[in-house]
């Protein structure tokens, strides 16, 4: 009986998913075309920061979350971000392609993403990412990774935060995977604080390597308190310790979000 119900729900999800993707595609096309116009008009006075292009990206993300009626976003911890325009290295766990929508919609400050280079080849969306100044990285190339880190440093020195997914790829299990060290090295070298952000719920809606939107979902974005980088006497050892401590704190917060979500249900 359960198998039949599951099969029925899957068949229901297929047309719903197709409709949602069509709506998202049309919204993306419309907003990206508007973004091209904004880019041309704003380039003379906004080339350094491209903040208007990021604003267009936020409009895109919020429009998609609004257009898909069975998605809801819950944001907490914004009070942990001190007022002002101080840049951060933002580290977030990675569960789904929807994470990008959630971060753009939920974080109330301008930032740049570091994203895999393949996304920049996607028509319209990838072009907008490039014009906005988001940072492509080839995870298989050490040279590309180094160039991406340099680009992240440039943005931070301009006063713009950069988002890293330190796991390096989306988690299949939903648990936070081991962190790579790159984001923490950038924070150390730039002399900025690390802002941990925990995401939950996006994997249930759109798992890795799937186009079918599984079910109605409530997404959670939880902002932690900024963490100062304290290298200590042994820089590498201190940095590895900081990385592991932040990962553990984020994993604990993810567990709390899961428990709270179960209680709501």
Foldseek 3Di string as FASTA:
>chain_A
DVVVVLVVLLVVLVVLLVVLVVVLVVLLVVLLVVLVVCLVVCCVPCVLQLQVLLVSVLVSLVVSQVVNVLEAEDEDDLVLDDDDLAAAAEEEAAAAPNVSSRCSPHHPHAAAEEEAQVQLVPPSRNVSNVSSQHQHAHPVDPVRLVVSLVSQLSNNVVSHYYYDHQQSDHDQVQAGDQGDLSSLVSCVVSQHWYKYKYKDWPCQQPGPPGSGGNGRTYIYIYIDHTHGQDCPPPNVVSSVVVSVVSSVVRRVVRVVVVVVVVVVD
